[in-house]
Amino acid sequence: MDDDFYEFERITREQAHEIACAEVLRDLMVSEDTIRYVAFVPEFEYYCLCEFIKEDDGWVKSIRLLRLSERLAGEEIPDDRIIALAQSGNIISAIRLFRAKYQVGLLEGKVGVESLLKNA
């Protein structure tokens, strides 16, 4: 197997629907070839749009942080959360959240987290 190739886990539609029902916080939408919902994803440390997509050989899950326009009250990313992640050594997640909150690039995200830490 090529080290640069990652094999995505493929599951059945029933498994995808069961996982979605267990994780969903809001906006569960089910169609013939897509299952989409909003959930809190611990690996991302925040609210995400989760989507199972039907492919020829099974269903595959994709996850992304919610865009600013997709967040509801209570789903905002507080600076305190970013600071806490960075202070606990989880710099990558802190930068990811900063970038999602402020809609900036990677360098701006790194500089922004450093600035939050300096002013904390």
PDB file of N, CA and C in Angstrom:
ATOM      1  N   MET A   1       0.846  -1.195   0.000  1.00  0.00           N
ATOM      2  CA  MET A   1       0.000   0.000   0.000  1.00  0.00           C
ATOM      3  C   MET A   1       0.878   1.240   0.000  1.00  0.00           C
ATOM      4  N   ASP A   2       0.519   2.215  -0.783  1.00  0.00           N
ATOM      5  CA  ASP A   2       1.250   3.468  -0.884  1.00  0.00           C
ATOM      6  C   ASP A   2       1.047   4.284   0.390  1.00  0.00           C
ATOM      7  N   ASP A   3       2.138   4.774   0.989  1.00  0.00           N
ATOM      8  CA  ASP A   3       2.065   5.530   2.230  1.00  0.00           C
ATOM      9  C   ASP A   3       1.327   6.861   2.079  1.00  0.00           C
ATOM     10  N   ASP A   4       1.243   7.389   0.855  1.00  0.00           N
ATOM     11  CA  ASP A   4       0.576   8.659   0.623  1.00  0.00           C
ATOM     12  C   ASP A   4      -0.930   8.501   0.396  1.00  0.00           C
ATOM     13  N   PHE A   5      -1.416   7.267   0.419  1.00  0.00           N
ATOM     14  CA  PHE A   5      -2.825   7.010   0.148  1.00  0.00           C
ATOM     15  C   PHE A   5      -3.528   6.624   1.437  1.00  0.00           C
ATOM     16  N   TYR A   6      -4.624   7.312   1.723  1.00  0.00           N
ATOM     17  CA  TYR A   6      -5.402   7.005   2.911  1.00  0.00           C
ATOM     18  C   TYR A   6      -6.709   6.381   2.474  1.00  0.00           C
ATOM     19  N   GLU A   7      -6.999   5.208   2.971  1.00  0.00           N
ATOM     20  CA  GLU A   7      -8.238   4.507   2.637  1.00  0.00           C
ATOM     21  C   GLU A   7      -9.347   4.956   3.581  1.00  0.00           C
ATOM     22  N   PHE A   8     -10.396   5.541   3.036  1.00  0.00           N
ATOM     23  CA  PHE A   8     -11.533   5.967   3.829  1.00  0.00           C
ATOM     24  C   PHE A   8     -12.388   4.759   4.165  1.00  0.00           C
ATOM     25  N   GLU A   9     -12.894   4.751   5.388  1.00  0.00           N
ATOM     26  CA  GLU A   9     -13.780   3.674   5.792  1.00  0.00           C
ATOM     27  C   GLU A   9     -15.125   3.838   5.085  1.00  0.00           C
ATOM     28  N   ARG A  10     -15.563   2.774   4.453  1.00  0.00           N
ATOM     29  CA  ARG A  10     -16.868   2.784   3.801  1.00  0.00           C
ATOM     30  C   ARG A  10     -17.835   1.971   4.650  1.00  0.00           C
ATOM     31  N   ILE A  11     -19.023   2.532   4.817  1.00  0.00           N
ATOM     32  CA  ILE A  11     -20.023   1.867   5.631  1.00  0.00           C
ATOM     33  C   ILE A  11     -21.329   1.785   4.859  1.00  0.00           C
ATOM     34  N   THR A  12     -22.302   1.087   5.423  1.00  0.00           N
ATOM     35  CA  THR A  12     -23.605   0.978   4.767  1.00  0.00           C
ATOM     36  C   THR A  12     -24.447   2.222   5.066  1.00  0.00           C
ATOM     37  N   ARG A  13     -25.512   2.398   4.320  1.00  0.00           N
ATOM     38  CA  ARG A  13     -26.420   3.517   4.550  1.00  0.00           C
ATOM     39  C   ARG A  13     -27.039   3.410   5.945  1.00  0.00           C
ATOM     40  N   GLU A  14     -27.367   2.226   6.352  1.00  0.00           N
ATOM     41  CA  GLU A  14     -27.959   2.021   7.670  1.00  0.00           C
ATOM     42  C   GLU A  14     -26.979   2.415   8.774  1.00  0.00           C
ATOM     43  N   GLN A  15     -25.708   2.054   8.615  1.00  0.00           N
ATOM     44  CA  GLN A  15     -24.689   2.442   9.599  1.00  0.00           C
ATOM     45  C   GLN A  15     -24.518   3.954   9.629  1.00  0.00           C
ATOM     46  N   ALA A  16     -24.483   4.575   8.449  1.00  0.00           N
ATOM     47  CA  ALA A  16     -24.342   6.036   8.372  1.00  0.00           C
ATOM     48  C   ALA A  16     -25.512   6.720   9.066  1.00  0.00           C
ATOM     49  N   HIS A  17     -26.711   6.243   8.821  1.00  0.00           N
ATOM     50  CA  HIS A  17     -27.896   6.844   9.433  1.00  0.00           C
ATOM     51  C   HIS A  17     -27.880   6.657  10.947  1.00  0.00           C
ATOM     52  N   GLU A  18     -27.459   5.492  11.408  1.00  0.00           N
ATOM     53  CA  GLU A  18     -27.377   5.227  12.851  1.00  0.00           C
ATOM     54  C   GLU A  18     -26.364   6.151  13.526  1.00  0.00           C
ATOM     55  N   ILE A  19     -25.208   6.339  12.909  1.00  0.00           N
ATOM     56  CA  ILE A  19     -24.183   7.241  13.453  1.00  0.00           C
ATOM     57  C   ILE A  19     -24.714   8.673  13.479  1.00  0.00           C
ATOM     58  N   ALA A  20     -25.340   9.094  12.387  1.00  0.00           N
ATOM     59  CA  ALA A  20     -25.888  10.450  12.316  1.00  0.00           C
ATOM     60  C   ALA A  20     -26.916  10.685  13.415  1.00  0.00           C
ATOM     61  N   CYS A  21     -27.791   9.747  13.617  1.00  0.00           N
ATOM     62  CA  CYS A  21     -28.820   9.893  14.659  1.00  0.00           C
ATOM     63  C   CYS A  21     -28.214   9.957  16.052  1.00  0.00           C
ATOM     64  N   ALA A  22     -27.100   9.283  16.254  1.00  0.00           N
ATOM     65  CA  ALA A  22     -26.436   9.304  17.562  1.00  0.00           C
ATOM     66  C   ALA A  22     -25.675  10.619  17.793  1.00  0.00           C
ATOM     67  N   GLU A  23     -25.179  11.234  16.730  1.00  0.00           N
ATOM     68  CA  GLU A  23     -24.338  12.432  16.862  1.00  0.00           C
ATOM     69  C   GLU A  23     -25.082  13.753  16.682  1.00  0.00           C
ATOM     70  N   VAL A  24     -26.186  13.752  15.983  1.00  0.00           N
ATOM     71  CA  VAL A  24     -26.846  14.982  15.544  1.00  0.00           C
ATOM     72  C   VAL A  24     -27.261  15.882  16.709  1.00  0.00           C
ATOM     73  N   LEU A  25     -26.989  17.170  16.557  1.00  0.00           N
ATOM     74  CA  LEU A  25     -27.505  18.188  17.475  1.00  0.00           C
ATOM     75  C   LEU A  25     -28.637  18.962  16.823  1.00  0.00           C
ATOM     76  N   ARG A  26     -28.530  19.141  15.501  1.00  0.00           N
ATOM     77  CA  ARG A  26     -29.570  19.873  14.770  1.00  0.00           C
ATOM     78  C   ARG A  26     -29.420  19.644  13.269  1.00  0.00           C
ATOM     79  N   ASP A  27     -30.464  19.992  12.563  1.00  0.00           N
ATOM     80  CA  ASP A  27     -30.493  20.046  11.098  1.00  0.00           C
ATOM     81  C   ASP A  27     -30.170  18.723  10.401  1.00  0.00           C
ATOM     82  N   LEU A  28     -30.738  17.632  10.852  1.00  0.00           N
ATOM     83  CA  LEU A  28     -30.551  16.348  10.172  1.00  0.00           C
ATOM     84  C   LEU A  28     -31.331  16.359   8.866  1.00  0.00           C
ATOM     85  N   MET A  29     -30.613  16.163   7.767  1.00  0.00           N
ATOM     86  CA  MET A  29     -31.232  16.096   6.439  1.00  0.00           C
ATOM     87  C   MET A  29     -30.790  14.798   5.787  1.00  0.00           C
ATOM     88  N   VAL A  30     -31.749  14.017   5.350  1.00  0.00           N
ATOM     89  CA  VAL A  30     -31.462  12.723   4.742  1.00  0.00           C
ATOM     90  C   VAL A  30     -32.037  12.701   3.336  1.00  0.00           C
ATOM     91  N   SER A  31     -31.189  12.373   2.369  1.00  0.00           N
ATOM     92  CA  SER A  31     -31.649  12.212   0.995  1.00  0.00           C
ATOM     93  C   SER A  31     -31.146  10.858   0.493  1.00  0.00           C
ATOM     94  N   GLU A  32     -31.381  10.594  -0.755  1.00  0.00           N
ATOM     95  CA  GLU A  32     -30.987   9.304  -1.330  1.00  0.00           C
ATOM     96  C   GLU A  32     -29.475   9.092  -1.297  1.00  0.00           C
ATOM     97  N   ASP A  33     -28.700  10.172  -1.482  1.00  0.00           N
ATOM     98  CA  ASP A  33     -27.253  10.002  -1.562  1.00  0.00           C
ATOM     99  C   ASP A  33     -26.454  10.845  -0.566  1.00  0.00           C
ATOM    100  N   THR A  34     -27.143  11.482   0.403  1.00  0.00           N
ATOM    101  CA  THR A  34     -26.456  12.306   1.393  1.00  0.00           C
ATOM    102  C   THR A  34     -27.199  12.274   2.731  1.00  0.00           C
ATOM    103  N   ILE A  35     -26.421  12.227   3.805  1.00  0.00           N
ATOM    104  CA  ILE A  35     -26.962  12.417   5.149  1.00  0.00           C
ATOM    105  C   ILE A  35     -26.134  13.541   5.758  1.00  0.00           C
ATOM    106  N   ARG A  36     -26.794  14.647   6.122  1.00  0.00           N
ATOM    107  CA  ARG A  36     -26.084  15.841   6.583  1.00  0.00           C
ATOM    108  C   ARG A  36     -26.679  16.320   7.900  1.00  0.00           C
ATOM    109  N   TYR A  37     -25.795  16.791   8.812  1.00  0.00           N
ATOM    110  CA  TYR A  37     -26.261  17.262  10.115  1.00  0.00           C
ATOM    111  C   TYR A  37     -25.158  18.069  10.803  1.00  0.00           C
ATOM    112  N   VAL A  38     -25.546  18.774  11.871  1.00  0.00           N
ATOM    113  CA  VAL A  38     -24.600  19.519  12.688  1.00  0.00           C
ATOM    114  C   VAL A  38     -24.393  18.753  13.986  1.00  0.00           C
ATOM    115  N   ALA A  39     -23.117  18.632  14.394  1.00  0.00           N
ATOM    116  CA  ALA A  39     -22.769  17.922  15.627  1.00  0.00           C
ATOM    117  C   ALA A  39     -21.537  18.568  16.247  1.00  0.00           C
ATOM    118  N   PHE A  40     -21.335  18.303  17.538  1.00  0.00           N
ATOM    119  CA  PHE A  40     -20.083  18.687  18.181  1.00  0.00           C
ATOM    120  C   PHE A  40     -19.112  17.541  17.936  1.00  0.00           C
ATOM    121  N   VAL A  41     -17.961  17.850  17.337  1.00  0.00           N
ATOM    122  CA  VAL A  41     -16.986  16.818  16.993  1.00  0.00           C
ATOM    123  C   VAL A  41     -15.752  17.002  17.872  1.00  0.00           C
ATOM    124  N   PRO A  42     -15.540  16.087  18.818  1.00  0.00           N
ATOM    125  CA  PRO A  42     -14.411  16.231  19.752  1.00  0.00           C
ATOM    126  C   PRO A  42     -13.053  16.364  19.069  1.00  0.00           C
ATOM    127  N   GLU A  43     -12.841  15.663  17.969  1.00  0.00           N
ATOM    128  CA  GLU A  43     -11.555  15.747  17.260  1.00  0.00           C
ATOM    129  C   GLU A  43     -11.303  17.147  16.702  1.00  0.00           C
ATOM    130  N   PHE A  44     -12.352  17.871  16.407  1.00  0.00           N
ATOM    131  CA  PHE A  44     -12.230  19.240  15.904  1.00  0.00           C
ATOM    132  C   PHE A  44     -12.399  20.263  17.010  1.00  0.00           C
ATOM    133  N   GLU A  45     -12.798  19.801  18.173  1.00  0.00           N
ATOM    134  CA  GLU A  45     -12.977  20.657  19.341  1.00  0.00           C
ATOM    135  C   GLU A  45     -14.087  21.687  19.166  1.00  0.00           C
ATOM    136  N   TYR A  46     -15.006  21.428  18.204  1.00  0.00           N
ATOM    137  CA  TYR A  46     -16.095  22.376  18.044  1.00  0.00           C
ATOM    138  C   TYR A  46     -17.210  21.834  17.177  1.00  0.00           C
ATOM    139  N   TYR A  47     -18.210  22.695  16.925  1.00  0.00           N
ATOM    140  CA  TYR A  47     -19.370  22.311  16.133  1.00  0.00           C
ATOM    141  C   TYR A  47     -18.988  22.216  14.662  1.00  0.00           C
ATOM    142  N   CYS A  48     -19.485  21.166  14.019  1.00  0.00           N
ATOM    143  CA  CYS A  48     -19.120  20.901  12.638  1.00  0.00           C
ATOM    144  C   CYS A  48     -20.326  20.484  11.814  1.00  0.00           C
ATOM    145  N   LEU A  49     -20.193  20.669  10.506  1.00  0.00           N
ATOM    146  CA  LEU A  49     -21.138  20.110   9.569  1.00  0.00           C
ATOM    147  C   LEU A  49     -20.595  18.736   9.205  1.00  0.00           C
ATOM    148  N   CYS A  50     -21.364  17.718   9.495  1.00  0.00           N
ATOM    149  CA  CYS A  50     -20.977  16.339   9.192  1.00  0.00           C
ATOM    150  C   CYS A  50     -21.830  15.866   8.028  1.00  0.00           C
ATOM    151  N   GLU A  51     -21.209  15.094   7.155  1.00  0.00           N
ATOM    152  CA  GLU A  51     -21.929  14.653   5.974  1.00  0.00           C
ATOM    153  C   GLU A  51     -21.464  13.256   5.582  1.00  0.00           C
ATOM    154  N   PHE A  52     -22.413  12.368   5.408  1.00  0.00           N
ATOM    155  CA  PHE A  52     -22.139  11.063   4.814  1.00  0.00           C
ATOM    156  C   PHE A  52     -22.550  11.153   3.356  1.00  0.00           C
ATOM    157  N   ILE A  53     -21.659  10.736   2.477  1.00  0.00           N
ATOM    158  CA  ILE A  53     -21.896  10.828   1.042  1.00  0.00           C
ATOM    159  C   ILE A  53     -21.853   9.428   0.445  1.00  0.00           C
ATOM    160  N   LYS A  54     -22.821   9.116  -0.373  1.00  0.00           N
ATOM    161  CA  LYS A  54     -22.885   7.817  -1.024  1.00  0.00           C
ATOM    162  C   LYS A  54     -21.886   7.765  -2.176  1.00  0.00           C
ATOM    163  N   GLU A  55     -21.044   6.760  -2.148  1.00  0.00           N
ATOM    164  CA  GLU A  55     -20.130   6.498  -3.258  1.00  0.00           C
ATOM    165  C   GLU A  55     -20.449   5.107  -3.792  1.00  0.00           C
ATOM    166  N   ASP A  56     -19.805   4.714  -4.859  1.00  0.00           N
ATOM    167  CA  ASP A  56     -20.112   3.424  -5.484  1.00  0.00           C
ATOM    168  C   ASP A  56     -19.943   2.240  -4.536  1.00  0.00           C
ATOM    169  N   ASP A  57     -18.944   2.322  -3.659  1.00  0.00           N
ATOM    170  CA  ASP A  57     -18.635   1.174  -2.808  1.00  0.00           C
ATOM    171  C   ASP A  57     -18.977   1.405  -1.333  1.00  0.00           C
ATOM    172  N   GLY A  58     -19.848   2.353  -1.036  1.00  0.00           N
ATOM    173  CA  GLY A  58     -20.277   2.577   0.342  1.00  0.00           C
ATOM    174  C   GLY A  58     -20.428   4.056   0.653  1.00  0.00           C
ATOM    175  N   TRP A  59     -20.702   4.343   1.912  1.00  0.00           N
ATOM    176  CA  TRP A  59     -20.892   5.715   2.389  1.00  0.00           C
ATOM    177  C   TRP A  59     -19.647   6.187   3.114  1.00  0.00           C
ATOM    178  N   VAL A  60     -19.226   7.436   2.851  1.00  0.00           N
ATOM    179  CA  VAL A  60     -18.014   8.024   3.419  1.00  0.00           C
ATOM    180  C   VAL A  60     -18.401   9.288   4.172  1.00  0.00           C
ATOM    181  N   LYS A  61     -17.764   9.505   5.328  1.00  0.00           N
ATOM    182  CA  LYS A  61     -18.063  10.678   6.153  1.00  0.00           C
ATOM    183  C   LYS A  61     -17.056  11.793   5.903  1.00  0.00           C
ATOM    184  N   SER A  62     -17.560  13.016   5.791  1.00  0.00           N
ATOM    185  CA  SER A  62     -16.696  14.193   5.739  1.00  0.00           C
ATOM    186  C   SER A  62     -17.143  15.147   6.841  1.00  0.00           C
ATOM    187  N   ILE A  63     -16.191  15.930   7.348  1.00  0.00           N
ATOM    188  CA  ILE A  63     -16.455  16.838   8.463  1.00  0.00           C
ATOM    189  C   ILE A  63     -15.740  18.152   8.193  1.00  0.00           C
ATOM    190  N   ARG A  64     -16.423  19.267   8.480  1.00  0.00           N
ATOM    191  CA  ARG A  64     -15.763  20.574   8.445  1.00  0.00           C
ATOM    192  C   ARG A  64     -16.379  21.457   9.520  1.00  0.00           C
ATOM    193  N   LEU A  65     -15.592  22.407  10.008  1.00  0.00           N
ATOM    194  CA  LEU A  65     -16.114  23.370  10.970  1.00  0.00           C
ATOM    195  C   LEU A  65     -17.231  24.186  10.327  1.00  0.00           C
ATOM    196  N   LEU A  66     -18.179  24.594  11.131  1.00  0.00           N
ATOM    197  CA  LEU A  66     -19.253  25.446  10.626  1.00  0.00           C
ATOM    198  C   LEU A  66     -18.695  26.792  10.183  1.00  0.00           C
ATOM    199  N   ARG A  67     -19.216  27.293   9.098  1.00  0.00           N
ATOM    200  CA  ARG A  67     -18.871  28.648   8.675  1.00  0.00           C
ATOM    201  C   ARG A  67     -19.556  29.630   9.612  1.00  0.00           C
ATOM    202  N   LEU A  68     -19.050  30.831   9.652  1.00  0.00           N
ATOM    203  CA  LEU A  68     -19.604  31.876  10.509  1.00  0.00           C
ATOM    204  C   LEU A  68     -21.105  32.034  10.281  1.00  0.00           C
ATOM    205  N   SER A  69     -21.518  32.020   9.048  1.00  0.00           N
ATOM    206  CA  SER A  69     -22.933  32.214   8.712  1.00  0.00           C
ATOM    207  C   SER A  69     -23.802  31.013   9.097  1.00  0.00           C
ATOM    208  N   GLU A  70     -23.209  29.882   9.361  1.00  0.00           N
ATOM    209  CA  GLU A  70     -23.958  28.668   9.702  1.00  0.00           C
ATOM    210  C   GLU A  70     -24.136  28.480  11.206  1.00  0.00           C
ATOM    211  N   ARG A  71     -23.411  29.242  12.001  1.00  0.00           N
ATOM    212  CA  ARG A  71     -23.467  29.069  13.454  1.00  0.00           C
ATOM    213  C   ARG A  71     -24.707  29.724  14.043  1.00  0.00           C
ATOM    214  N   LEU A  72     -25.265  29.060  15.043  1.00  0.00           N
ATOM    215  CA  LEU A  72     -26.389  29.606  15.788  1.00  0.00           C
ATOM    216  C   LEU A  72     -25.881  30.178  17.104  1.00  0.00           C
ATOM    217  N   ALA A  73     -26.753  30.864  17.812  1.00  0.00           N
ATOM    218  CA  ALA A  73     -26.391  31.371  19.138  1.00  0.00           C
ATOM    219  C   ALA A  73     -25.920  30.198  19.993  1.00  0.00           C
ATOM    220  N   GLY A  74     -24.818  30.388  20.690  1.00  0.00           N
ATOM    221  CA  GLY A  74     -24.239  29.335  21.511  1.00  0.00           C
ATOM    222  C   GLY A  74     -23.193  28.507  20.786  1.00  0.00           C
ATOM    223  N   GLU A  75     -23.112  28.670  19.472  1.00  0.00           N
ATOM    224  CA  GLU A  75     -22.116  27.930  18.689  1.00  0.00           C
ATOM    225  C   GLU A  75     -20.952  28.820  18.252  1.00  0.00           C
ATOM    226  N   GLU A  76     -20.926  30.046  18.773  1.00  0.00           N
ATOM    227  CA  GLU A  76     -19.825  30.940  18.450  1.00  0.00           C
ATOM    228  C   GLU A  76     -18.547  30.373  19.075  1.00  0.00           C
ATOM    229  N   ILE A  77     -17.424  30.787  18.541  1.00  0.00           N
ATOM    230  CA  ILE A  77     -16.134  30.341  19.061  1.00  0.00           C
ATOM    231  C   ILE A  77     -15.580  31.449  19.949  1.00  0.00           C
ATOM    232  N   PRO A  78     -15.615  31.277  21.274  1.00  0.00           N
ATOM    233  CA  PRO A  78     -15.088  32.322  22.156  1.00  0.00           C
ATOM    234  C   PRO A  78     -13.557  32.305  22.189  1.00  0.00           C
ATOM    235  N   ASP A  79     -12.966  33.487  22.298  1.00  0.00           N
ATOM    236  CA  ASP A  79     -11.507  33.570  22.394  1.00  0.00           C
ATOM    237  C   ASP A  79     -10.995  32.767  23.578  1.00  0.00           C
ATOM    238  N   ASP A  80     -11.757  32.716  24.671  1.00  0.00           N
ATOM    239  CA  ASP A  80     -11.331  31.936  25.840  1.00  0.00           C
ATOM    240  C   ASP A  80     -11.121  30.469  25.491  1.00  0.00           C
ATOM    241  N   ARG A  81     -11.948  29.941  24.598  1.00  0.00           N
ATOM    242  CA  ARG A  81     -11.810  28.538  24.164  1.00  0.00           C
ATOM    243  C   ARG A  81     -10.516  28.364  23.382  1.00  0.00           C
ATOM    244  N   ILE A  82     -10.219  29.304  22.515  1.00  0.00           N
ATOM    245  CA  ILE A  82      -8.986  29.255  21.719  1.00  0.00           C
ATOM    246  C   ILE A  82      -7.774  29.330  22.643  1.00  0.00           C
ATOM    247  N   ILE A  83      -7.810  30.244  23.604  1.00  0.00           N
ATOM    248  CA  ILE A  83      -6.702  30.408  24.550  1.00  0.00           C
ATOM    249  C   ILE A  83      -6.499  29.135  25.367  1.00  0.00           C
ATOM    250  N   ALA A  84      -7.598  28.562  25.858  1.00  0.00           N
ATOM    251  CA  ALA A  84      -7.496  27.339  26.671  1.00  0.00           C
ATOM    252  C   ALA A  84      -6.871  26.195  25.880  1.00  0.00           C
ATOM    253  N   LEU A  85      -7.258  26.052  24.626  1.00  0.00           N
ATOM    254  CA  LEU A  85      -6.669  25.006  23.789  1.00  0.00           C
ATOM    255  C   LEU A  85      -5.175  25.233  23.607  1.00  0.00           C
ATOM    256  N   ALA A  86      -4.805  26.459  23.301  1.00  0.00           N
ATOM    257  CA  ALA A  86      -3.392  26.777  23.084  1.00  0.00           C
ATOM    258  C   ALA A  86      -2.581  26.562  24.357  1.00  0.00           C
ATOM    259  N   GLN A  87      -3.119  27.000  25.491  1.00  0.00           N
ATOM    260  CA  GLN A  87      -2.403  26.846  26.759  1.00  0.00           C
ATOM    261  C   GLN A  87      -2.263  25.384  27.165  1.00  0.00           C
ATOM    262  N   SER A  88      -3.183  24.538  26.724  1.00  0.00           N
ATOM    263  CA  SER A  88      -3.095  23.112  27.051  1.00  0.00           C
ATOM    264  C   SER A  88      -2.177  22.363  26.089  1.00  0.00           C
ATOM    265  N   GLY A  89      -1.571  23.097  25.147  1.00  0.00           N
ATOM    266  CA  GLY A  89      -0.639  22.475  24.210  1.00  0.00           C
ATOM    267  C   GLY A  89      -1.268  22.050  22.896  1.00  0.00           C
ATOM    268  N   ASN A  90      -2.536  22.306  22.738  1.00  0.00           N
ATOM    269  CA  ASN A  90      -3.232  21.913  21.517  1.00  0.00           C
ATOM    270  C   ASN A  90      -3.266  23.101  20.547  1.00  0.00           C
ATOM    271  N   ILE A  91      -2.094  23.505  20.112  1.00  0.00           N
ATOM    272  CA  ILE A  91      -1.920  24.686  19.256  1.00  0.00           C
ATOM    273  C   ILE A  91      -2.635  24.515  17.914  1.00  0.00           C
ATOM    274  N   ILE A  92      -2.544  23.330  17.331  1.00  0.00           N
ATOM    275  CA  ILE A  92      -3.169  23.095  16.019  1.00  0.00           C
ATOM    276  C   ILE A  92      -4.676  23.351  16.094  1.00  0.00           C
ATOM    277  N   SER A  93      -5.340  22.808  17.114  1.00  0.00           N
ATOM    278  CA  SER A  93      -6.779  23.037  17.259  1.00  0.00           C
ATOM    279  C   SER A  93      -7.073  24.498  17.540  1.00  0.00           C
ATOM    280  N   ALA A  94      -6.228  25.151  18.322  1.00  0.00           N
ATOM    281  CA  ALA A  94      -6.419  26.575  18.612  1.00  0.00           C
ATOM    282  C   ALA A  94      -6.344  27.389  17.319  1.00  0.00           C
ATOM    283  N   ILE A  95      -5.362  27.102  16.490  1.00  0.00           N
ATOM    284  CA  ILE A  95      -5.221  27.818  15.214  1.00  0.00           C
ATOM    285  C   ILE A  95      -6.408  27.507  14.305  1.00  0.00           C
ATOM    286  N   ARG A  96      -6.835  26.255  14.265  1.00  0.00           N
ATOM    287  CA  ARG A  96      -7.985  25.863  13.444  1.00  0.00           C
ATOM    288  C   ARG A  96      -9.232  26.662  13.855  1.00  0.00           C
ATOM    289  N   LEU A  97      -9.465  26.759  15.170  1.00  0.00           N
ATOM    290  CA  LEU A  97     -10.635  27.504  15.640  1.00  0.00           C
ATOM    291  C   LEU A  97     -10.499  28.999  15.366  1.00  0.00           C
ATOM    292  N   PHE A  98      -9.299  29.550  15.578  1.00  0.00           N
ATOM    293  CA  PHE A  98      -9.078  30.972  15.298  1.00  0.00           C
ATOM    294  C   PHE A  98      -9.372  31.266  13.829  1.00  0.00           C
ATOM    295  N   ARG A  99      -8.869  30.404  12.947  1.00  0.00           N
ATOM    296  CA  ARG A  99      -9.085  30.600  11.515  1.00  0.00           C
ATOM    297  C   ARG A  99     -10.564  30.534  11.163  1.00  0.00           C
ATOM    298  N   ALA A 100     -11.281  29.600  11.797  1.00  0.00           N
ATOM    299  CA  ALA A 100     -12.714  29.474  11.532  1.00  0.00           C
ATOM    300  C   ALA A 100     -13.475  30.689  12.057  1.00  0.00           C
ATOM    301  N   LYS A 101     -13.087  31.168  13.230  1.00  0.00           N
ATOM    302  CA  LYS A 101     -13.779  32.311  13.827  1.00  0.00           C
ATOM    303  C   LYS A 101     -13.553  33.597  13.024  1.00  0.00           C
ATOM    304  N   TYR A 102     -12.321  33.846  12.643  1.00  0.00           N
ATOM    305  CA  TYR A 102     -11.973  35.116  12.007  1.00  0.00           C
ATOM    306  C   TYR A 102     -11.825  35.036  10.489  1.00  0.00           C
ATOM    307  N   GLN A 103     -12.032  33.843   9.917  1.00  0.00           N
ATOM    308  CA  GLN A 103     -11.962  33.665   8.466  1.00  0.00           C
ATOM    309  C   GLN A 103     -10.633  34.168   7.897  1.00  0.00           C
ATOM    310  N   VAL A 104      -9.525  33.667   8.469  1.00  0.00           N
ATOM    311  CA  VAL A 104      -8.191  34.071   8.034  1.00  0.00           C
ATOM    312  C   VAL A 104      -7.395  32.854   7.587  1.00  0.00           C
ATOM    313  N   GLY A 105      -6.248  33.112   6.999  1.00  0.00           N
ATOM    314  CA  GLY A 105      -5.364  32.058   6.535  1.00  0.00           C
ATOM    315  C   GLY A 105      -4.538  31.467   7.671  1.00  0.00           C
ATOM    316  N   LEU A 106      -3.689  30.527   7.301  1.00  0.00           N
ATOM    317  CA  LEU A 106      -2.886  29.804   8.286  1.00  0.00           C
ATOM    318  C   LEU A 106      -1.919  30.719   9.035  1.00  0.00           C
ATOM    319  N   LEU A 107      -1.179  31.553   8.330  1.00  0.00           N
ATOM    320  CA  LEU A 107      -0.224  32.448   8.993  1.00  0.00           C
ATOM    321  C   LEU A 107      -0.934  33.422   9.918  1.00  0.00           C
ATOM    322  N   GLU A 108      -2.035  34.002   9.437  1.00  0.00           N
ATOM    323  CA  GLU A 108      -2.792  34.933  10.271  1.00  0.00           C
ATOM    324  C   GLU A 108      -3.360  34.225  11.502  1.00  0.00           C
ATOM    325  N   GLY A 109      -3.752  32.954  11.332  1.00  0.00           N
ATOM    326  CA  GLY A 109      -4.254  32.170  12.448  1.00  0.00           C
ATOM    327  C   GLY A 109      -3.186  31.920  13.499  1.00  0.00           C
ATOM    328  N   LYS A 110      -1.995  31.596  13.055  1.00  0.00           N
ATOM    329  CA  LYS A 110      -0.873  31.357  13.984  1.00  0.00           C
ATOM    330  C   LYS A 110      -0.526  32.641  14.751  1.00  0.00           C
ATOM    331  N   VAL A 111      -0.417  33.742  14.017  1.00  0.00           N
ATOM    332  CA  VAL A 111      -0.103  35.026  14.628  1.00  0.00           C
ATOM    333  C   VAL A 111      -1.227  35.440  15.578  1.00  0.00           C
ATOM    334  N   GLY A 112      -2.467  35.211  15.193  1.00  0.00           N
ATOM    335  CA  GLY A 112      -3.604  35.564  16.031  1.00  0.00           C
ATOM    336  C   GLY A 112      -3.624  34.794  17.336  1.00  0.00           C
ATOM    337  N   VAL A 113      -3.335  33.500  17.291  1.00  0.00           N
ATOM    338  CA  VAL A 113      -3.289  32.686  18.518  1.00  0.00           C
ATOM    339  C   VAL A 113      -2.140  33.163  19.407  1.00  0.00           C
ATOM    340  N   GLU A 114      -1.006  33.456  18.817  1.00  0.00           N
ATOM    341  CA  GLU A 114       0.130  33.969  19.599  1.00  0.00           C
ATOM    342  C   GLU A 114      -0.248  35.277  20.277  1.00  0.00           C
ATOM    343  N   SER A 115      -0.964  36.138  19.576  1.00  0.00           N
ATOM    344  CA  SER A 115      -1.392  37.416  20.150  1.00  0.00           C
ATOM    345  C   SER A 115      -2.382  37.202  21.287  1.00  0.00           C
ATOM    346  N   LEU A 116      -3.333  36.277  21.122  1.00  0.00           N
ATOM    347  CA  LEU A 116      -4.262  35.977  22.219  1.00  0.00           C
ATOM    348  C   LEU A 116      -3.529  35.469  23.447  1.00  0.00           C
ATOM    349  N   LEU A 117      -2.529  34.624  23.232  1.00  0.00           N
ATOM    350  CA  LEU A 117      -1.766  34.090  24.362  1.00  0.00           C
ATOM    351  C   LEU A 117      -0.979  35.180  25.081  1.00  0.00           C
ATOM    352  N   LYS A 118      -0.415  36.082  24.292  1.00  0.00           N
ATOM    353  CA  LYS A 118       0.373  37.166  24.879  1.00  0.00           C
ATOM    354  C   LYS A 118      -0.498  38.082  25.737  1.00  0.00           C
ATOM    355  N   ASN A 119      -1.735  38.288  25.289  1.00  0.00           N
ATOM    356  CA  ASN A 119      -2.646  39.190  26.004  1.00  0.00           C
ATOM    357  C   ASN A 119      -3.511  38.500  27.060  1.00  0.00           C
ATOM    358  N   ALA A 120      -3.335  37.188  27.193  1.00  0.00           N
ATOM    359  CA  ALA A 120      -4.171  36.426  28.165  1.00  0.00           C
ATOM    360  C   ALA A 120      -3.727  36.663  29.574  1.00  0.00           C
TER     361      ALA A 120
END
